[in-house]
Amino acid sequence: MAKLNDIKDSNYLTKEDCEPAIKVTVTRCTSEDVSMANEPARMKYVLYFRECAKGMVLNLTNFQRIVTLSGRDDTDDWAGVQITLFNDPTVDFGGKLVGGIRVWVPQFAPPDVTNAQPPAQPPVTNPGYVGDDPPPPTDDDIPY
């Protein structure tokens, strides 16, 4: 049976193309006019991959995620970088959740708080002693 993505024709990856997630290898990044016919030109960066014919229009969020994964902030250095693309239903546009393609970035697990230890404190040798005050009297100083 046909799905919406089968009927609509796009030159670029759509969120439906990334469900389930796909692992791809970057081959190049180009600047292209991504506008529809009879619209003013809209130049955007488009990533292409070894594993699929369609490119992905690059947005700022996904650009930053690829920089995080690769450690390279120049798209000319991304050839060979492997990324995973997925449909993230929490992507919003115009105040509405519409879903969209995201580059997956592994999250660091939070620290294990059950085994966390507070920093070591030096032992208190004279608990009554404060700053420059003289130490408190000992039992020997009390006359009986």
N, C-alpha and C. Protein backbone atom coordinates (compact mmCIF):
# COMPACT_ATOMS: atom_id res chain seq x y z
N MET A 1 0.84 -1.18 0.00
CA MET A 1 0.00 0.00 0.00
C MET A 1 0.89 1.25 0.00
N ALA A 2 0.45 2.30 -0.63
CA ALA A 2 1.21 3.54 -0.75
C ALA A 2 1.14 4.34 0.54
N LYS A 3 2.23 5.03 0.84
CA LYS A 3 2.29 5.95 1.97
C LYS A 3 2.44 7.35 1.42
N LEU A 4 2.20 8.34 2.27
CA LEU A 4 2.29 9.74 1.85
C LEU A 4 3.64 10.04 1.21
N ASN A 5 4.72 9.54 1.81
CA ASN A 5 6.06 9.80 1.28
C ASN A 5 6.25 9.17 -0.10
N ASP A 6 5.50 8.09 -0.40
CA ASP A 6 5.59 7.47 -1.72
C ASP A 6 4.95 8.35 -2.78
N ILE A 7 3.96 9.12 -2.39
CA ILE A 7 3.22 9.95 -3.34
C ILE A 7 3.89 11.30 -3.56
N LYS A 8 4.32 11.93 -2.47
CA LYS A 8 4.97 13.23 -2.63
C LYS A 8 6.40 13.01 -3.12
N ASP A 9 6.79 13.81 -4.04
CA ASP A 9 8.10 13.66 -4.68
C ASP A 9 9.03 14.75 -4.15
N SER A 10 10.12 14.34 -3.53
CA SER A 10 11.08 15.30 -2.98
C SER A 10 12.47 14.95 -3.47
N ASN A 11 13.22 15.97 -3.81
CA ASN A 11 14.61 15.78 -4.21
C ASN A 11 15.51 15.56 -2.99
N TYR A 12 14.98 15.84 -1.81
CA TYR A 12 15.77 15.78 -0.59
C TYR A 12 15.14 14.81 0.40
N LEU A 13 15.96 14.35 1.35
CA LEU A 13 15.46 13.46 2.38
C LEU A 13 14.33 14.13 3.16
N THR A 14 13.34 13.34 3.51
CA THR A 14 12.25 13.81 4.37
C THR A 14 12.31 13.03 5.67
N LYS A 15 11.53 13.49 6.63
CA LYS A 15 11.50 12.80 7.93
C LYS A 15 11.04 11.35 7.76
N GLU A 16 10.16 11.09 6.82
CA GLU A 16 9.68 9.74 6.59
C GLU A 16 10.78 8.83 6.05
N ASP A 17 11.75 9.41 5.33
CA ASP A 17 12.88 8.63 4.82
C ASP A 17 13.78 8.15 5.96
N CYS A 18 13.65 8.79 7.10
CA CYS A 18 14.53 8.49 8.24
C CYS A 18 13.79 7.75 9.34
N GLU A 19 12.75 7.04 8.94
CA GLU A 19 12.00 6.23 9.90
C GLU A 19 11.79 4.85 9.31
N PRO A 20 12.50 3.85 9.76
CA PRO A 20 13.42 3.85 10.91
C PRO A 20 14.70 4.63 10.59
N ALA A 21 15.49 4.86 11.62
CA ALA A 21 16.73 5.61 11.51
C ALA A 21 17.66 4.97 10.47
N ILE A 22 18.46 5.83 9.82
CA ILE A 22 19.42 5.34 8.83
C ILE A 22 20.82 5.83 9.17
N LYS A 23 21.80 4.95 8.99
CA LYS A 23 23.20 5.31 9.21
C LYS A 23 23.79 5.62 7.85
N VAL A 24 24.39 6.81 7.72
CA VAL A 24 24.93 7.26 6.44
C VAL A 24 26.34 7.80 6.61
N THR A 25 27.04 7.86 5.47
CA THR A 25 28.41 8.38 5.45
C THR A 25 28.43 9.61 4.56
N VAL A 26 28.87 10.73 5.09
CA VAL A 26 28.91 11.99 4.34
C VAL A 26 29.91 11.87 3.20
N THR A 27 29.51 12.31 2.00
CA THR A 27 30.44 12.35 0.87
C THR A 27 30.81 13.79 0.52
N ARG A 28 29.82 14.70 0.62
CA ARG A 28 30.11 16.09 0.27
C ARG A 28 28.99 17.01 0.77
N CYS A 29 29.28 18.30 0.78
CA CYS A 29 28.30 19.32 1.13
C CYS A 29 28.34 20.37 0.04
N THR A 30 27.17 20.71 -0.50
CA THR A 30 27.10 21.72 -1.56
C THR A 30 26.10 22.80 -1.18
N SER A 31 26.18 23.92 -1.84
CA SER A 31 25.20 24.99 -1.68
C SER A 31 24.26 24.92 -2.88
N GLU A 32 22.95 24.80 -2.60
CA GLU A 32 21.99 24.62 -3.69
C GLU A 32 20.76 25.49 -3.47
N ASP A 33 20.08 25.78 -4.58
CA ASP A 33 18.79 26.47 -4.54
C ASP A 33 17.73 25.43 -4.22
N VAL A 34 17.11 25.50 -3.05
CA VAL A 34 16.13 24.52 -2.63
C VAL A 34 14.69 25.04 -2.76
N SER A 35 14.51 26.15 -3.46
CA SER A 35 13.17 26.73 -3.60
C SER A 35 12.31 25.90 -4.54
N MET A 36 11.01 26.03 -4.35
CA MET A 36 10.05 25.39 -5.25
C MET A 36 10.00 26.18 -6.55
N ALA A 37 9.42 25.55 -7.57
CA ALA A 37 9.29 26.23 -8.87
C ALA A 37 8.48 27.53 -8.69
N ASN A 38 8.86 28.54 -9.42
CA ASN A 38 8.19 29.85 -9.41
C ASN A 38 8.33 30.60 -8.09
N GLU A 39 9.32 30.23 -7.27
CA GLU A 39 9.60 30.96 -6.04
C GLU A 39 10.98 31.59 -6.15
N PRO A 40 11.24 32.64 -5.37
CA PRO A 40 12.59 33.21 -5.36
C PRO A 40 13.61 32.18 -4.88
N ALA A 41 14.82 32.32 -5.32
CA ALA A 41 15.88 31.38 -4.95
C ALA A 41 16.11 31.38 -3.45
N ARG A 42 16.30 30.17 -2.89
CA ARG A 42 16.64 29.99 -1.47
C ARG A 42 17.86 29.08 -1.43
N MET A 43 19.01 29.66 -1.18
CA MET A 43 20.23 28.87 -1.15
C MET A 43 20.42 28.26 0.24
N LYS A 44 20.65 26.96 0.25
CA LYS A 44 20.88 26.22 1.49
C LYS A 44 22.02 25.23 1.27
N TYR A 45 22.64 24.80 2.37
CA TYR A 45 23.65 23.75 2.28
C TYR A 45 22.95 22.40 2.28
N VAL A 46 23.43 21.50 1.43
CA VAL A 46 22.84 20.16 1.31
C VAL A 46 23.96 19.14 1.47
N LEU A 47 23.74 18.18 2.37
CA LEU A 47 24.69 17.09 2.58
C LEU A 47 24.30 15.91 1.70
N TYR A 48 25.30 15.26 1.11
CA TYR A 48 25.06 14.05 0.33
C TYR A 48 25.81 12.89 0.99
N PHE A 49 25.26 11.69 0.78
CA PHE A 49 25.74 10.51 1.46
C PHE A 49 26.02 9.37 0.49
N ARG A 50 26.91 8.50 0.88
CA ARG A 50 27.27 7.33 0.08
C ARG A 50 26.08 6.38 -0.07
N GLU A 51 25.26 6.27 0.96
CA GLU A 51 24.22 5.25 1.01
C GLU A 51 22.90 5.62 0.36
N CYS A 52 22.68 6.88 0.00
CA CYS A 52 21.39 7.25 -0.62
C CYS A 52 21.58 8.35 -1.65
N ALA A 53 20.65 8.39 -2.60
CA ALA A 53 20.74 9.36 -3.70
C ALA A 53 20.31 10.76 -3.28
N LYS A 54 19.34 10.83 -2.36
CA LYS A 54 18.83 12.13 -1.92
C LYS A 54 19.78 12.77 -0.91
N GLY A 55 19.87 14.09 -0.98
CA GLY A 55 20.65 14.83 -0.01
C GLY A 55 19.76 15.31 1.12
N MET A 56 20.37 15.81 2.17
CA MET A 56 19.64 16.36 3.31
C MET A 56 19.93 17.86 3.41
N VAL A 57 18.87 18.66 3.38
CA VAL A 57 19.03 20.10 3.57
C VAL A 57 19.50 20.30 5.01
N LEU A 58 20.60 21.01 5.16
CA LEU A 58 21.26 21.15 6.46
C LEU A 58 20.73 22.37 7.20
N ASN A 59 20.25 22.16 8.41
CA ASN A 59 19.84 23.28 9.26
C ASN A 59 20.89 23.50 10.35
N LEU A 60 20.75 24.56 11.10
CA LEU A 60 21.75 24.92 12.11
C LEU A 60 21.87 23.86 13.19
N THR A 61 20.75 23.31 13.64
CA THR A 61 20.79 22.29 14.70
C THR A 61 21.59 21.08 14.25
N ASN A 62 21.28 20.55 13.07
CA ASN A 62 22.00 19.37 12.59
C ASN A 62 23.46 19.70 12.27
N PHE A 63 23.73 20.91 11.80
CA PHE A 63 25.12 21.34 11.57
C PHE A 63 25.90 21.24 12.89
N GLN A 64 25.33 21.81 13.96
CA GLN A 64 26.00 21.80 15.26
C GLN A 64 26.18 20.38 15.79
N ARG A 65 25.21 19.52 15.54
CA ARG A 65 25.32 18.14 15.99
C ARG A 65 26.45 17.41 15.26
N ILE A 66 26.60 17.66 13.97
CA ILE A 66 27.69 17.03 13.22
C ILE A 66 29.04 17.55 13.69
N VAL A 67 29.12 18.83 13.99
CA VAL A 67 30.36 19.40 14.54
C VAL A 67 30.69 18.69 15.86
N THR A 68 29.67 18.49 16.71
CA THR A 68 29.88 17.81 17.99
C THR A 68 30.40 16.39 17.78
N LEU A 69 29.79 15.66 16.84
CA LEU A 69 30.19 14.27 16.59
C LEU A 69 31.56 14.15 15.96
N SER A 70 31.83 15.04 15.00
CA SER A 70 33.06 14.90 14.20
C SER A 70 34.24 15.67 14.78
N GLY A 71 33.95 16.71 15.55
CA GLY A 71 35.02 17.58 16.04
C GLY A 71 35.55 18.50 14.94
N ARG A 72 34.82 18.59 13.83
CA ARG A 72 35.24 19.42 12.69
C ARG A 72 34.15 20.44 12.38
N ASP A 73 34.53 21.72 12.34
CA ASP A 73 33.51 22.75 12.09
C ASP A 73 33.47 23.23 10.64
N ASP A 74 34.20 22.59 9.75
CA ASP A 74 34.21 22.94 8.33
C ASP A 74 33.62 21.77 7.54
N THR A 75 32.56 22.04 6.78
CA THR A 75 31.90 20.96 6.03
C THR A 75 32.84 20.30 5.02
N ASP A 76 33.88 20.99 4.60
CA ASP A 76 34.86 20.39 3.68
C ASP A 76 35.59 19.21 4.34
N ASP A 77 35.58 19.16 5.66
CA ASP A 77 36.28 18.10 6.39
C ASP A 77 35.35 16.97 6.84
N TRP A 78 34.09 16.98 6.39
CA TRP A 78 33.13 15.99 6.84
C TRP A 78 33.09 14.72 6.00
N ALA A 79 33.75 14.71 4.85
CA ALA A 79 33.72 13.50 4.01
C ALA A 79 34.22 12.31 4.83
N GLY A 80 33.44 11.22 4.81
CA GLY A 80 33.79 10.02 5.54
C GLY A 80 33.19 9.95 6.93
N VAL A 81 32.62 11.04 7.43
CA VAL A 81 32.01 11.04 8.76
C VAL A 81 30.69 10.26 8.69
N GLN A 82 30.52 9.33 9.61
CA GLN A 82 29.28 8.55 9.68
C GLN A 82 28.35 9.16 10.71
N ILE A 83 27.08 9.32 10.30
CA ILE A 83 26.07 9.87 11.20
C ILE A 83 24.81 9.02 11.09
N THR A 84 23.96 9.12 12.08
CA THR A 84 22.67 8.44 12.06
C THR A 84 21.59 9.51 12.02
N LEU A 85 20.68 9.36 11.03
CA LEU A 85 19.57 10.29 10.86
C LEU A 85 18.30 9.61 11.33
N PHE A 86 17.46 10.35 12.05
CA PHE A 86 16.19 9.78 12.52
C PHE A 86 15.10 10.84 12.50
N ASN A 87 13.86 10.37 12.52
CA ASN A 87 12.71 11.26 12.57
C ASN A 87 12.45 11.58 14.04
N ASP A 88 12.67 12.83 14.41
CA ASP A 88 12.45 13.27 15.78
C ASP A 88 11.08 13.95 15.86
N PRO A 89 10.10 13.33 16.50
CA PRO A 89 8.76 13.92 16.55
C PRO A 89 8.67 15.19 17.38
N THR A 90 9.72 15.55 18.12
CA THR A 90 9.68 16.75 18.96
C THR A 90 10.18 18.00 18.24
N VAL A 91 10.56 17.88 16.96
CA VAL A 91 10.99 19.06 16.21
C VAL A 91 9.78 19.97 16.01
N ASP A 92 9.95 21.25 16.35
CA ASP A 92 8.82 22.17 16.18
C ASP A 92 9.13 23.21 15.11
N PHE A 93 8.08 23.68 14.49
CA PHE A 93 8.18 24.73 13.47
C PHE A 93 6.96 25.62 13.61
N GLY A 94 7.19 26.90 13.75
CA GLY A 94 6.07 27.84 13.90
C GLY A 94 5.24 27.57 15.14
N GLY A 95 5.88 27.05 16.20
CA GLY A 95 5.16 26.79 17.44
C GLY A 95 4.38 25.49 17.47
N LYS A 96 4.53 24.68 16.43
CA LYS A 96 3.82 23.40 16.38
C LYS A 96 4.82 22.26 16.25
N LEU A 97 4.53 21.15 16.91
CA LEU A 97 5.36 19.95 16.77
C LEU A 97 5.04 19.32 15.42
N VAL A 98 6.03 19.31 14.53
CA VAL A 98 5.81 18.77 13.19
C VAL A 98 6.73 17.58 12.90
N GLY A 99 7.72 17.36 13.74
CA GLY A 99 8.70 16.31 13.48
C GLY A 99 9.69 16.76 12.44
N GLY A 100 10.80 16.07 12.36
CA GLY A 100 11.82 16.43 11.38
C GLY A 100 13.05 15.56 11.54
N ILE A 101 13.95 15.70 10.59
CA ILE A 101 15.18 14.91 10.60
C ILE A 101 16.15 15.51 11.62
N ARG A 102 16.72 14.64 12.42
CA ARG A 102 17.77 15.03 13.36
C ARG A 102 18.94 14.07 13.23
N VAL A 103 20.12 14.64 13.47
CA VAL A 103 21.34 13.83 13.56
C VAL A 103 21.40 13.34 15.00
N TRP A 104 21.55 12.03 15.17
CA TRP A 104 21.58 11.45 16.50
C TRP A 104 22.95 11.67 17.13
N VAL A 105 22.94 12.18 18.35
CA VAL A 105 24.16 12.37 19.13
C VAL A 105 24.01 11.53 20.38
N PRO A 106 24.92 10.55 20.60
CA PRO A 106 24.81 9.74 21.82
C PRO A 106 24.87 10.65 23.05
N GLN A 107 24.00 10.38 23.98
CA GLN A 107 23.96 11.17 25.21
C GLN A 107 24.85 10.51 26.25
N PHE A 108 25.49 11.33 27.05
CA PHE A 108 26.29 10.81 28.15
C PHE A 108 25.34 10.44 29.28
N ALA A 109 25.57 9.30 29.89
CA ALA A 109 24.75 8.88 31.02
C ALA A 109 25.04 9.79 32.20
N PRO A 110 24.02 10.09 32.99
CA PRO A 110 24.29 10.91 34.18
C PRO A 110 25.17 10.14 35.14
N PRO A 111 25.88 10.83 36.00
CA PRO A 111 26.74 10.13 36.96
C PRO A 111 25.90 9.26 37.88
N ASP A 112 26.49 8.19 38.37
CA ASP A 112 25.82 7.29 39.30
C ASP A 112 25.82 7.94 40.67
N VAL A 113 24.70 8.55 41.02
CA VAL A 113 24.65 9.30 42.28
C VAL A 113 24.61 8.39 43.50
N THR A 114 24.24 7.14 43.33
CA THR A 114 24.21 6.25 44.49
C THR A 114 25.61 5.96 45.01
N ASN A 115 26.62 6.02 44.14
CA ASN A 115 27.99 5.74 44.56
C ASN A 115 28.82 7.01 44.68
N ALA A 116 28.20 8.16 44.48
CA ALA A 116 28.96 9.41 44.55
C ALA A 116 29.38 9.69 45.99
N GLN A 117 30.60 10.14 46.16
CA GLN A 117 31.13 10.43 47.48
C GLN A 117 31.40 11.93 47.58
N PRO A 118 31.06 12.55 48.71
CA PRO A 118 31.39 13.96 48.87
C PRO A 118 32.90 14.12 48.95
N PRO A 119 33.42 15.29 48.62
CA PRO A 119 34.86 15.50 48.72
C PRO A 119 35.34 15.29 50.15
N ALA A 120 36.53 14.76 50.28
CA ALA A 120 37.10 14.49 51.61
C ALA A 120 37.35 15.80 52.35
N GLN A 121 36.99 15.81 53.62
CA GLN A 121 37.23 16.98 54.46
C GLN A 121 38.33 16.63 55.45
N PRO A 122 39.21 17.58 55.76
CA PRO A 122 40.24 17.28 56.76
C PRO A 122 39.59 17.02 58.12
N PRO A 123 40.16 16.13 58.90
CA PRO A 123 39.56 15.85 60.21
C PRO A 123 39.65 17.07 61.11
N VAL A 124 38.65 17.22 61.95
CA VAL A 124 38.61 18.33 62.91
C VAL A 124 39.37 17.88 64.14
N THR A 125 40.48 18.60 64.47
CA THR A 125 41.30 18.20 65.63
C THR A 125 40.81 18.84 66.91
N ASN A 126 40.28 20.03 66.81
CA ASN A 126 39.79 20.72 67.98
C ASN A 126 38.49 21.42 67.58
N PRO A 127 37.34 20.78 67.78
CA PRO A 127 36.09 21.32 67.27
C PRO A 127 35.71 22.66 67.86
N GLY A 128 36.24 23.04 69.01
CA GLY A 128 35.88 24.32 69.60
C GLY A 128 36.73 25.47 69.11
N TYR A 129 37.78 25.17 68.41
CA TYR A 129 38.72 26.20 67.97
C TYR A 129 38.17 26.89 66.73
N VAL A 130 38.07 28.20 66.75
CA VAL A 130 37.55 28.96 65.61
C VAL A 130 38.55 30.05 65.26
N GLY A 131 39.05 30.00 64.04
CA GLY A 131 39.92 31.06 63.53
C GLY A 131 41.10 31.37 64.43
N ASP A 132 41.25 32.66 64.82
CA ASP A 132 42.39 33.10 65.62
C ASP A 132 42.10 33.07 67.12
N ASP A 133 40.89 32.62 67.51
CA ASP A 133 40.56 32.54 68.94
C ASP A 133 41.46 31.52 69.61
N PRO A 134 41.76 31.73 70.89
CA PRO A 134 42.54 30.71 71.61
C PRO A 134 41.70 29.45 71.76
N PRO A 135 42.33 28.31 71.85
CA PRO A 135 41.56 27.08 72.01
C PRO A 135 40.81 27.09 73.34
N PRO A 136 39.70 26.37 73.40
CA PRO A 136 38.94 26.35 74.66
C PRO A 136 39.72 25.62 75.74
N PRO A 137 39.40 25.89 76.98
CA PRO A 137 40.12 25.23 78.07
C PRO A 137 39.87 23.73 78.07
N THR A 138 40.84 23.01 78.57
CA THR A 138 40.69 21.56 78.70
C THR A 138 40.26 21.24 80.12
N ASP A 139 39.98 19.99 80.42
CA ASP A 139 39.55 19.59 81.77
C ASP A 139 40.62 19.93 82.81
N ASP A 140 41.87 19.98 82.35
CA ASP A 140 42.95 20.25 83.29
C ASP A 140 42.91 21.67 83.82
N ASP A 141 42.27 22.59 83.08
CA ASP A 141 42.27 23.99 83.49
C ASP A 141 41.11 24.31 84.44
N ILE A 142 40.20 23.38 84.60
CA ILE A 142 39.04 23.66 85.45
C ILE A 142 39.43 23.32 86.90
N PRO A 143 39.38 24.35 87.78
CA PRO A 143 39.77 24.07 89.18
C PRO A 143 38.65 23.38 89.94
N TYR A 144 38.97 22.32 90.65
CA TYR A 144 38.03 21.62 91.53
C TYR A 144 38.62 21.40 92.86
